[in-house]
């Protein structure tokens, strides 16, 4: 029994990570690179990954394709999910996903005595990335130097 669970988990993890990878590549190309956010892979993967959801998905797909009488249904469901996740490689979808996951519009920031309003594009471990309407480029601010959400 434990052998089947471990085998199912390992296969399911491989399948689930392929779906995950496609979404991450779409976010990297069309949100992080487009907005010049430099903290993507190392920070995002570990800080914003739901490992519980990843584990549950791995067990679900792995056991489903290996040990249930509905294996073909699980394979078809997985292929549909893989196809849907590959949509993140399209610029509009990757950008929209990034905005849905990370963007916080119209936030108030204070750096020293300067207060301004902008969009929080991403909050990393050590820095935040902000876009102001009156500034063309993405602004990187060290978290210890800024207060926001005032």
Protein backbone atom coordinates (compact mmCIF):
# COMPACT_ATOMS: atom_id res chain seq x y z
CA UNK A 1 0.00 0.00 0.00
CA UNK A 2 2.70 2.52 0.96
CA UNK A 3 4.57 1.53 -2.21
CA UNK A 4 1.57 2.56 -4.33
CA UNK A 5 1.23 5.88 -2.51
CA UNK A 6 4.93 6.69 -2.97
CA UNK A 7 4.86 5.69 -6.65
CA UNK A 8 1.69 7.69 -7.21
CA UNK A 9 3.15 10.70 -5.45
CA UNK A 10 6.38 10.65 -7.46
CA UNK A 11 4.61 10.32 -10.81
CA UNK A 12 2.00 12.88 -9.77
CA UNK A 13 4.72 15.30 -8.67
CA UNK A 14 6.39 15.05 -12.06
CA UNK A 15 3.07 15.68 -13.80
CA UNK A 16 2.10 18.55 -11.51
CA UNK A 17 5.49 20.24 -11.78
CA UNK A 18 5.11 20.34 -15.58
CA UNK A 19 1.88 22.30 -15.18
CA UNK A 20 3.50 24.51 -12.54
CA UNK A 21 6.53 25.12 -14.75
CA UNK A 22 4.43 26.35 -17.68
CA UNK A 23 2.65 28.87 -15.44
CA UNK A 24 5.98 30.05 -13.97
CA UNK A 25 7.51 30.53 -17.40
CA UNK A 26 4.49 32.56 -18.51
CA UNK A 27 4.75 34.74 -15.40
CA UNK A 28 8.50 35.14 -15.86
CA UNK A 29 8.28 36.18 -19.50
CA UNK A 30 5.18 38.34 -19.52
CA UNK A 31 5.02 39.87 -16.06
CA UNK A 32 8.41 39.84 -14.34
CA UNK A 33 10.66 40.41 -17.35
CA UNK A 34 8.22 42.88 -18.95
CA UNK A 35 8.14 44.98 -15.76
CA UNK A 36 11.89 44.57 -15.01
CA UNK A 37 11.30 42.71 -11.73
CA UNK A 38 14.54 40.86 -11.02
CA UNK A 39 13.58 38.59 -8.11
CA UNK A 40 11.43 36.06 -9.91
CA UNK A 41 12.55 32.44 -9.77
CA UNK A 42 14.26 31.92 -6.44
CA UNK A 43 12.00 34.20 -4.44
CA UNK A 44 8.69 33.47 -6.18
CA UNK A 45 8.99 29.73 -6.32
CA UNK A 46 9.54 29.27 -2.61
CA UNK A 47 7.68 32.22 -1.16
CA UNK A 48 4.53 31.97 -3.24
CA UNK A 49 4.26 28.27 -3.97
CA UNK A 50 1.54 26.34 -2.17
CA UNK A 51 3.34 23.14 -1.25
CA UNK A 52 0.21 21.68 0.32
CA UNK A 53 -1.71 22.17 -2.93
CA UNK A 54 1.25 20.81 -4.88
CA UNK A 55 1.35 17.68 -2.71
CA UNK A 56 -2.39 17.09 -2.89
CA UNK A 57 -2.35 17.53 -6.68
CA UNK A 58 0.59 15.15 -6.97
CA UNK A 59 -1.22 12.44 -4.99
CA UNK A 60 -4.48 13.03 -6.85
CA UNK A 61 -3.02 12.76 -10.35
CA UNK A 62 -0.43 10.11 -9.54
CA UNK A 63 -2.79 7.70 -7.86
CA UNK A 64 -5.52 8.58 -10.36
CA UNK A 65 -3.48 7.65 -13.43
CA UNK A 66 -1.82 4.60 -11.90
CA UNK A 67 -4.32 2.87 -9.66
CA UNK A 68 -7.91 3.80 -10.47
CA UNK A 69 -10.28 2.30 -13.03
CA UNK A 70 -10.66 5.85 -14.38
CA UNK A 71 -7.03 6.22 -15.46
CA UNK A 72 -7.95 7.40 -18.97
CA UNK A 73 -10.22 10.06 -17.50
CA UNK A 74 -7.40 11.25 -15.23
CA UNK A 75 -5.00 11.37 -18.21
CA UNK A 76 -7.48 13.40 -20.25
CA UNK A 77 -8.08 15.73 -17.31
CA UNK A 78 -4.35 16.16 -16.90
CA UNK A 79 -3.87 16.90 -20.60
CA UNK A 80 -6.60 19.54 -20.46
CA UNK A 81 -4.95 21.08 -17.38
CA UNK A 82 -1.59 21.03 -19.15
CA UNK A 83 -3.13 22.74 -22.17
CA UNK A 84 -4.79 25.39 -20.02
CA UNK A 85 -1.56 26.08 -18.12
CA UNK A 86 0.31 26.49 -21.41
CA UNK A 87 -1.96 29.47 -22.12
CA UNK A 88 0.23 31.36 -19.62
CA UNK A 89 2.84 31.42 -22.39
CA UNK A 90 0.61 33.86 -24.27
CA UNK A 91 1.54 37.43 -23.42
CA UNK A 92 -1.94 38.60 -22.45
CA UNK A 93 -2.60 35.58 -20.24
CA UNK A 94 0.82 35.62 -18.53
CA UNK A 95 0.49 39.34 -17.83
CA UNK A 96 -3.06 38.94 -16.50
CA UNK A 97 -2.00 36.07 -14.23
CA UNK A 98 0.85 38.14 -12.83
CA UNK A 99 -1.49 41.03 -12.17
CA UNK A 100 -4.02 38.75 -10.49
CA UNK A 101 -1.36 37.16 -8.26
CA UNK A 102 0.78 40.16 -7.36
CA UNK A 103 -0.56 43.59 -8.39
CA UNK A 104 -1.98 45.87 -5.69
CA UNK A 105 -3.20 49.07 -7.27
CA UNK A 106 -3.26 52.59 -5.80
CA UNK A 107 -1.15 51.95 -2.74
CA UNK A 108 0.30 54.81 -0.69
CA UNK A 109 4.05 54.68 -0.07
CA UNK A 110 6.39 56.67 2.11
CA UNK A 111 10.15 56.77 1.63
CA UNK A 112 11.70 59.15 4.14
CA UNK A 113 9.60 62.31 3.97
CA UNK A 114 8.35 61.61 0.45
CA UNK A 115 4.83 60.22 0.07
CA UNK A 116 3.45 59.00 -3.23
CA UNK A 117 0.79 56.77 -4.75
CA UNK A 118 1.63 53.89 -7.06
CA UNK A 119 0.93 50.30 -7.93
CA UNK A 120 2.73 47.60 -5.96
CA UNK A 121 3.85 45.20 -8.67
CA UNK A 122 5.63 42.66 -6.48
CA UNK A 123 6.78 42.23 -2.89
CA UNK A 124 9.97 40.21 -2.59
CA UNK A 125 11.92 39.24 0.49
CA UNK A 126 14.15 42.31 0.52
CA UNK A 127 12.60 44.76 -1.92
CA UNK A 128 9.32 45.89 -3.40
CA UNK A 129 8.68 46.90 -7.00
CA UNK A 130 6.46 49.88 -7.63
CA UNK A 131 5.07 51.54 -10.74
CA UNK A 132 4.12 55.20 -10.48
CA UNK A 133 1.89 56.78 -13.12
CA UNK A 134 4.34 59.68 -13.60
CA UNK A 135 7.48 57.50 -13.87
CA UNK A 136 8.16 55.33 -16.90
CA UNK A 137 10.30 52.63 -15.25
CA UNK A 138 9.64 50.17 -12.44
CA UNK A 139 11.02 51.41 -9.14
CA UNK A 140 12.84 48.98 -6.82
CA UNK A 141 12.77 50.02 -3.17
CA UNK A 142 14.46 48.19 -0.31
CA UNK A 143 11.72 47.10 2.09
CA UNK A 144 13.43 48.54 5.16
CA UNK A 145 13.38 52.02 3.52
CA UNK A 146 9.66 52.16 2.73
CA UNK A 147 6.26 52.07 4.41
CA UNK A 148 3.16 51.32 2.37
CA UNK A 149 -0.53 50.74 2.72
CA UNK A 150 -0.78 53.93 4.79
